[in-house]
Amino acid sequence: MLALAFVRHFWLLNAFIFFTGFSWIAVLSTLNLGAQRSAAKWVKARALAVYLTVFLAQ
């Protein structure tokens, strides 16, 4: 995020923010998939509830 303070071109700033946001969504999707696939079927809902509570409560 420090790079945002030094970028003087608006189009370059928009491209940086777009790719940063895209990367963050890809990371979240990958972590969510890993949490779903690693939990047993009988406890999947509770495992995802704990995962989301811990991840979003930071």
Protein backbone atom coordinates (compact mmCIF):
# COMPACT_ATOMS: atom_id res chain seq x y z
CA MET A 1 0.00 0.00 0.00
CA LEU A 2 2.98 2.28 0.35
CA ALA A 3 3.31 2.26 -3.44
CA LEU A 4 -0.02 4.08 -3.69
CA ALA A 5 1.52 7.18 -2.14
CA PHE A 6 4.21 7.43 -4.81
CA VAL A 7 2.23 6.64 -7.98
CA ARG A 8 1.52 9.80 -9.94
CA HIS A 9 -0.42 8.28 -12.85
CA PHE A 10 -4.09 7.62 -12.25
CA TRP A 11 -4.36 4.72 -14.74
CA LEU A 12 -1.40 2.97 -13.15
CA LEU A 13 -2.96 3.41 -9.72
CA ASN A 14 -6.24 1.91 -10.96
CA ALA A 15 -4.45 -1.07 -12.48
CA PHE A 16 -2.55 -1.66 -9.23
CA ILE A 17 -5.70 -1.53 -7.13
CA PHE A 18 -7.55 -3.81 -9.56
CA PHE A 19 -4.87 -6.50 -9.50
CA THR A 20 -4.46 -6.21 -5.74
CA GLY A 21 -8.19 -6.70 -5.23
CA PHE A 22 -8.27 -9.58 -7.69
CA SER A 23 -5.39 -11.27 -5.90
CA TRP A 24 -7.05 -10.85 -2.51
CA ILE A 25 -10.28 -12.44 -3.78
CA ALA A 26 -8.28 -15.33 -5.24
CA VAL A 27 -6.55 -15.89 -1.89
CA LEU A 28 -9.85 -15.82 -0.01
CA SER A 29 -11.41 -18.28 -2.46
CA THR A 30 -8.47 -20.63 -2.14
CA LEU A 31 -8.54 -20.54 1.66
CA ASN A 32 -12.30 -21.11 1.67
CA LEU A 33 -11.91 -24.09 -0.66
CA GLY A 34 -9.19 -25.53 1.56
CA ALA A 35 -11.36 -25.17 4.64
CA GLN A 36 -14.28 -26.89 2.92
CA ARG A 37 -12.25 -29.76 1.53
CA SER A 38 -10.34 -30.48 4.73
CA ALA A 39 -13.42 -30.78 6.96
CA ALA A 40 -15.35 -34.02 7.30
CA LYS A 41 -18.89 -34.03 5.94
CA TRP A 42 -20.52 -34.38 9.33
CA VAL A 43 -18.78 -31.32 10.74
CA LYS A 44 -18.37 -29.16 7.62
CA ALA A 45 -20.92 -26.49 8.59
CA ARG A 46 -19.41 -26.02 12.04
CA ALA A 47 -15.88 -25.97 10.66
CA LEU A 48 -16.81 -23.27 8.15
CA ALA A 49 -18.56 -21.28 10.88
CA VAL A 50 -15.43 -21.35 13.01
CA TYR A 51 -13.22 -20.57 9.98
CA LEU A 52 -15.30 -17.54 9.02
CA THR A 53 -15.58 -16.32 12.60
CA VAL A 54 -11.82 -16.49 13.11
CA PHE A 55 -10.94 -15.11 9.69
CA LEU A 56 -13.42 -12.22 9.63
CA ALA A 57 -12.98 -11.26 13.28
CA GLN A 58 -9.37 -10.24 12.87
